[in-house]
Amino acid sequence: MNPRWFLRAKRLAQSPPSWGRVKLVFAIILLCAALWGYEQVFGWPEALTPNNHRRNGI
């Protein structure tokens, strides 16, 4: 493990993030999980799928 990670962990332990920052991170994680779940239930929309128009000779 890189020693820089130990220094970052020490700094984080000495001055933890504010409650607002923690709520922001959890909100972002919750949003990503909701989008993933929506895609699993309803699938990916056909309009957002890119078309592959490669030509063999070019």
PDB file of N, CA and C in Angstrom:
ATOM      1  N   MET A   1       0.841  -1.170   0.000  1.00  0.00           N
ATOM      2  CA  MET A   1       0.000   0.000   0.000  1.00  0.00           C
ATOM      3  C   MET A   1       0.894   1.243   0.000  1.00  0.00           C
ATOM      4  N   ASN A   2       0.510   2.212  -0.777  1.00  0.00           N
ATOM      5  CA  ASN A   2       1.280   3.436  -0.913  1.00  0.00           C
ATOM      6  C   ASN A   2       1.202   4.258   0.376  1.00  0.00           C
ATOM      7  N   PRO A   3       2.329   4.805   0.849  1.00  0.00           N
ATOM      8  CA  PRO A   3       2.304   5.616   2.081  1.00  0.00           C
ATOM      9  C   PRO A   3       1.422   6.866   1.969  1.00  0.00           C
ATOM     10  N   ARG A   4       1.184   7.331   0.776  1.00  0.00           N
ATOM     11  CA  ARG A   4       0.308   8.503   0.621  1.00  0.00           C
ATOM     12  C   ARG A   4      -1.102   8.216   1.121  1.00  0.00           C
ATOM     13  N   TRP A   5      -1.546   6.948   0.962  1.00  0.00           N
ATOM     14  CA  TRP A   5      -2.886   6.597   1.441  1.00  0.00           C
ATOM     15  C   TRP A   5      -2.967   6.702   2.952  1.00  0.00           C
ATOM     16  N   PHE A   6      -1.878   6.357   3.641  1.00  0.00           N
ATOM     17  CA  PHE A   6      -1.857   6.495   5.098  1.00  0.00           C
ATOM     18  C   PHE A   6      -1.941   7.960   5.502  1.00  0.00           C
ATOM     19  N   LEU A   7      -1.249   8.823   4.772  1.00  0.00           N
ATOM     20  CA  LEU A   7      -1.315  10.251   5.079  1.00  0.00           C
ATOM     21  C   LEU A   7      -2.713  10.806   4.822  1.00  0.00           C
ATOM     22  N   ARG A   8      -3.348  10.372   3.746  1.00  0.00           N
ATOM     23  CA  ARG A   8      -4.716  10.818   3.461  1.00  0.00           C
ATOM     24  C   ARG A   8      -5.680  10.318   4.532  1.00  0.00           C
ATOM     25  N   ALA A   9      -5.497   9.072   4.980  1.00  0.00           N
ATOM     26  CA  ALA A   9      -6.363   8.529   6.020  1.00  0.00           C
ATOM     27  C   ALA A   9      -6.176   9.288   7.334  1.00  0.00           C
ATOM     28  N   LYS A  10      -4.947   9.663   7.639  1.00  0.00           N
ATOM     29  CA  LYS A  10      -4.671  10.435   8.847  1.00  0.00           C
ATOM     30  C   LYS A  10      -5.354  11.800   8.786  1.00  0.00           C
ATOM     31  N   ARG A  11      -5.235  12.456   7.633  1.00  0.00           N
ATOM     32  CA  ARG A  11      -5.887  13.759   7.468  1.00  0.00           C
ATOM     33  C   ARG A  11      -7.400  13.648   7.567  1.00  0.00           C
ATOM     34  N   LEU A  12      -7.963  12.589   6.989  1.00  0.00           N
ATOM     35  CA  LEU A  12      -9.403  12.384   7.036  1.00  0.00           C
ATOM     36  C   LEU A  12      -9.871  12.104   8.462  1.00  0.00           C
ATOM     37  N   ALA A  13      -9.073  11.374   9.230  1.00  0.00           N
ATOM     38  CA  ALA A  13      -9.440  11.081  10.617  1.00  0.00           C
ATOM     39  C   ALA A  13      -9.347  12.334  11.485  1.00  0.00           C
ATOM     40  N   GLN A  14      -8.385  13.207  11.202  1.00  0.00           N
ATOM     41  CA  GLN A  14      -8.232  14.415  12.004  1.00  0.00           C
ATOM     42  C   GLN A  14      -9.297  15.453  11.703  1.00  0.00           C
ATOM     43  N   SER A  15      -9.694  15.563  10.451  1.00  0.00           N
ATOM     44  CA  SER A  15     -10.740  16.533  10.096  1.00  0.00           C
ATOM     45  C   SER A  15     -11.724  15.848   9.154  1.00  0.00           C
ATOM     46  N   PRO A  16     -12.718  15.174   9.714  1.00  0.00           N
ATOM     47  CA  PRO A  16     -13.684  14.456   8.879  1.00  0.00           C
ATOM     48  C   PRO A  16     -14.524  15.417   8.057  1.00  0.00           C
ATOM     49  N   PRO A  17     -15.114  14.938   6.961  1.00  0.00           N
ATOM     50  CA  PRO A  17     -15.931  15.805   6.120  1.00  0.00           C
ATOM     51  C   PRO A  17     -17.193  16.251   6.866  1.00  0.00           C
ATOM     52  N   SER A  18     -17.738  17.364   6.418  1.00  0.00           N
ATOM     53  CA  SER A  18     -18.946  17.892   7.049  1.00  0.00           C
ATOM     54  C   SER A  18     -20.136  16.975   6.759  1.00  0.00           C
ATOM     55  N   TRP A  19     -21.201  17.132   7.564  1.00  0.00           N
ATOM     56  CA  TRP A  19     -22.393  16.309   7.387  1.00  0.00           C
ATOM     57  C   TRP A  19     -23.036  16.595   6.035  1.00  0.00           C
ATOM     58  N   GLY A  20     -22.938  17.826   5.568  1.00  0.00           N
ATOM     59  CA  GLY A  20     -23.485  18.151   4.252  1.00  0.00           C
ATOM     60  C   GLY A  20     -22.762  17.428   3.132  1.00  0.00           C
ATOM     61  N   ARG A  21     -21.452  17.298   3.225  1.00  0.00           N
ATOM     62  CA  ARG A  21     -20.674  16.578   2.212  1.00  0.00           C
ATOM     63  C   ARG A  21     -21.022  15.095   2.225  1.00  0.00           C
ATOM     64  N   VAL A  22     -21.211  14.528   3.414  1.00  0.00           N
ATOM     65  CA  VAL A  22     -21.574  13.115   3.528  1.00  0.00           C
ATOM     66  C   VAL A  22     -22.943  12.883   2.894  1.00  0.00           C
ATOM     67  N   LYS A  23     -23.905  13.773   3.152  1.00  0.00           N
ATOM     68  CA  LYS A  23     -25.231  13.641   2.555  1.00  0.00           C
ATOM     69  C   LYS A  23     -25.163  13.780   1.040  1.00  0.00           C
ATOM     70  N   LEU A  24     -24.307  14.659   0.524  1.00  0.00           N
ATOM     71  CA  LEU A  24     -24.145  14.824  -0.916  1.00  0.00           C
ATOM     72  C   LEU A  24     -23.631  13.540  -1.556  1.00  0.00           C
ATOM     73  N   VAL A  25     -22.642  12.927  -0.962  1.00  0.00           N
ATOM     74  CA  VAL A  25     -22.078  11.686  -1.505  1.00  0.00           C
ATOM     75  C   VAL A  25     -23.126  10.577  -1.500  1.00  0.00           C
ATOM     76  N   PHE A  26     -23.877  10.457  -0.404  1.00  0.00           N
ATOM     77  CA  PHE A  26     -24.920   9.435  -0.348  1.00  0.00           C
ATOM     78  C   PHE A  26     -26.034   9.705  -1.352  1.00  0.00           C
ATOM     79  N   ALA A  27     -26.352  10.977  -1.579  1.00  0.00           N
ATOM     80  CA  ALA A  27     -27.381  11.314  -2.570  1.00  0.00           C
ATOM     81  C   ALA A  27     -26.925  10.929  -3.976  1.00  0.00           C
ATOM     82  N   ILE A  28     -25.666  11.147  -4.293  1.00  0.00           N
ATOM     83  CA  ILE A  28     -25.136  10.779  -5.605  1.00  0.00           C
ATOM     84  C   ILE A  28     -25.141   9.265  -5.781  1.00  0.00           C
ATOM     85  N   ILE A  29     -24.741   8.537  -4.738  1.00  0.00           N
ATOM     86  CA  ILE A  29     -24.754   7.073  -4.805  1.00  0.00           C
ATOM     87  C   ILE A  29     -26.181   6.560  -4.968  1.00  0.00           C
ATOM     88  N   LEU A  30     -27.135   7.160  -4.246  1.00  0.00           N
ATOM     89  CA  LEU A  30     -28.534   6.763  -4.357  1.00  0.00           C
ATOM     90  C   LEU A  30     -29.075   7.045  -5.757  1.00  0.00           C
ATOM     91  N   LEU A  31     -28.718   8.180  -6.348  1.00  0.00           N
ATOM     92  CA  LEU A  31     -29.155   8.507  -7.706  1.00  0.00           C
ATOM     93  C   LEU A  31     -28.609   7.497  -8.716  1.00  0.00           C
ATOM     94  N   CYS A  32     -27.343   7.150  -8.589  1.00  0.00           N
ATOM     95  CA  CYS A  32     -26.755   6.155  -9.496  1.00  0.00           C
ATOM     96  C   CYS A  32     -27.440   4.803  -9.347  1.00  0.00           C
ATOM     97  N   ALA A  33     -27.727   4.398  -8.120  1.00  0.00           N
ATOM     98  CA  ALA A  33     -28.410   3.124  -7.900  1.00  0.00           C
ATOM     99  C   ALA A  33     -29.828   3.156  -8.475  1.00  0.00           C
ATOM    100  N   ALA A  34     -30.508   4.295  -8.362  1.00  0.00           N
ATOM    101  CA  ALA A  34     -31.861   4.411  -8.913  1.00  0.00           C
ATOM    102  C   ALA A  34     -31.835   4.330 -10.441  1.00  0.00           C
ATOM    103  N   LEU A  35     -30.867   4.984 -11.073  1.00  0.00           N
ATOM    104  CA  LEU A  35     -30.751   4.911 -12.531  1.00  0.00           C
ATOM    105  C   LEU A  35     -30.427   3.492 -12.984  1.00  0.00           C
ATOM    106  N   TRP A  36     -29.565   2.818 -12.259  1.00  0.00           N
ATOM    107  CA  TRP A  36     -29.229   1.433 -12.607  1.00  0.00           C
ATOM    108  C   TRP A  36     -30.463   0.545 -12.475  1.00  0.00           C
ATOM    109  N   GLY A  37     -31.209   0.721 -11.389  1.00  0.00           N
ATOM    110  CA  GLY A  37     -32.413  -0.073 -11.191  1.00  0.00           C
ATOM    111  C   GLY A  37     -33.460   0.189 -12.260  1.00  0.00           C
ATOM    112  N   TYR A  38     -33.616   1.452 -12.655  1.00  0.00           N
ATOM    113  CA  TYR A  38     -34.564   1.797 -13.719  1.00  0.00           C
ATOM    114  C   TYR A  38     -34.174   1.112 -15.023  1.00  0.00           C
ATOM    115  N   GLU A  39     -32.876   1.111 -15.322  1.00  0.00           N
ATOM    116  CA  GLU A  39     -32.419   0.449 -16.550  1.00  0.00           C
ATOM    117  C   GLU A  39     -32.652  -1.055 -16.476  1.00  0.00           C
ATOM    118  N   GLN A  40     -32.465  -1.661 -15.315  1.00  0.00           N
ATOM    119  CA  GLN A  40     -32.671  -3.093 -15.173  1.00  0.00           C
ATOM    120  C   GLN A  40     -34.137  -3.472 -15.342  1.00  0.00           C
ATOM    121  N   VAL A  41     -35.039  -2.609 -14.882  1.00  0.00           N
ATOM    122  CA  VAL A  41     -36.468  -2.924 -14.950  1.00  0.00           C
ATOM    123  C   VAL A  41     -37.026  -2.639 -16.336  1.00  0.00           C
ATOM    124  N   PHE A  42     -36.738  -1.458 -16.883  1.00  0.00           N
ATOM    125  CA  PHE A  42     -37.361  -1.032 -18.127  1.00  0.00           C
ATOM    126  C   PHE A  42     -36.463  -1.168 -19.350  1.00  0.00           C
ATOM    127  N   GLY A  43     -35.188  -1.414 -19.172  1.00  0.00           N
ATOM    128  CA  GLY A  43     -34.270  -1.575 -20.299  1.00  0.00           C
ATOM    129  C   GLY A  43     -33.734  -0.252 -20.798  1.00  0.00           C
ATOM    130  N   TRP A  44     -32.809  -0.347 -21.721  1.00  0.00           N
ATOM    131  CA  TRP A  44     -32.167   0.830 -22.293  1.00  0.00           C
ATOM    132  C   TRP A  44     -32.997   1.311 -23.480  1.00  0.00           C
ATOM    133  N   PRO A  45     -33.298   2.618 -23.568  1.00  0.00           N
ATOM    134  CA  PRO A  45     -34.118   3.095 -24.689  1.00  0.00           C
ATOM    135  C   PRO A  45     -33.384   2.960 -26.020  1.00  0.00           C
ATOM    136  N   GLU A  46     -34.106   2.541 -27.025  1.00  0.00           N
ATOM    137  CA  GLU A  46     -33.513   2.340 -28.352  1.00  0.00           C
ATOM    138  C   GLU A  46     -32.990   3.647 -28.938  1.00  0.00           C
ATOM    139  N   ALA A  47     -33.623   4.766 -28.605  1.00  0.00           N
ATOM    140  CA  ALA A  47     -33.203   6.060 -29.148  1.00  0.00           C
ATOM    141  C   ALA A  47     -31.834   6.484 -28.632  1.00  0.00           C
ATOM    142  N   LEU A  48     -31.391   5.957 -27.502  1.00  0.00           N
ATOM    143  CA  LEU A  48     -30.099   6.332 -26.942  1.00  0.00           C
ATOM    144  C   LEU A  48     -28.977   5.377 -27.327  1.00  0.00           C
ATOM    145  N   THR A  49     -29.276   4.365 -28.115  1.00  0.00           N
ATOM    146  CA  THR A  49     -28.264   3.418 -28.558  1.00  0.00           C
ATOM    147  C   THR A  49     -27.586   3.961 -29.807  1.00  0.00           C
ATOM    148  N   PRO A  50     -26.244   4.107 -29.781  1.00  0.00           N
ATOM    149  CA  PRO A  50     -25.558   4.635 -30.961  1.00  0.00           C
ATOM    150  C   PRO A  50     -25.580   3.628 -32.107  1.00  0.00           C
ATOM    151  N   ASN A  51     -25.629   4.148 -33.315  1.00  0.00           N
ATOM    152  CA  ASN A  51     -25.598   3.300 -34.506  1.00  0.00           C
ATOM    153  C   ASN A  51     -24.158   3.126 -34.959  1.00  0.00           C
ATOM    154  N   ASN A  52     -23.807   1.937 -35.361  1.00  0.00           N
ATOM    155  CA  ASN A  52     -22.462   1.645 -35.814  1.00  0.00           C
ATOM    156  C   ASN A  52     -22.476   1.551 -37.341  1.00  0.00           C
ATOM    157  N   HIS A  53     -22.017   2.587 -38.021  1.00  0.00           N
ATOM    158  CA  HIS A  53     -22.041   2.637 -39.481  1.00  0.00           C
ATOM    159  C   HIS A  53     -20.624   2.544 -40.051  1.00  0.00           C
ATOM    160  N   ARG A  54     -19.898   1.548 -39.658  1.00  0.00           N
ATOM    161  CA  ARG A  54     -18.547   1.374 -40.190  1.00  0.00           C
ATOM    162  C   ARG A  54     -18.603   0.747 -41.575  1.00  0.00           C
ATOM    163  N   ARG A  55     -17.726   1.182 -42.416  1.00  0.00           N
ATOM    164  CA  ARG A  55     -17.608   0.578 -43.740  1.00  0.00           C
ATOM    165  C   ARG A  55     -16.325  -0.235 -43.788  1.00  0.00           C
ATOM    166  N   ASN A  56     -16.371  -1.344 -44.446  1.00  0.00           N
ATOM    167  CA  ASN A  56     -15.216  -2.250 -44.435  1.00  0.00           C
ATOM    168  C   ASN A  56     -14.049  -1.737 -45.246  1.00  0.00           C
ATOM    169  N   GLY A  57     -14.272  -0.960 -46.291  1.00  0.00           N
ATOM    170  CA  GLY A  57     -13.178  -0.550 -47.159  1.00  0.00           C
ATOM    171  C   GLY A  57     -12.479   0.737 -46.734  1.00  0.00           C
ATOM    172  N   ILE A  58     -13.012   1.427 -45.769  1.00  0.00           N
ATOM    173  CA  ILE A  58     -12.430   2.742 -45.431  1.00  0.00           C
ATOM    174  C   ILE A  58     -11.721   2.697 -44.108  1.00  0.00           C
TER     175      ILE A  58
END
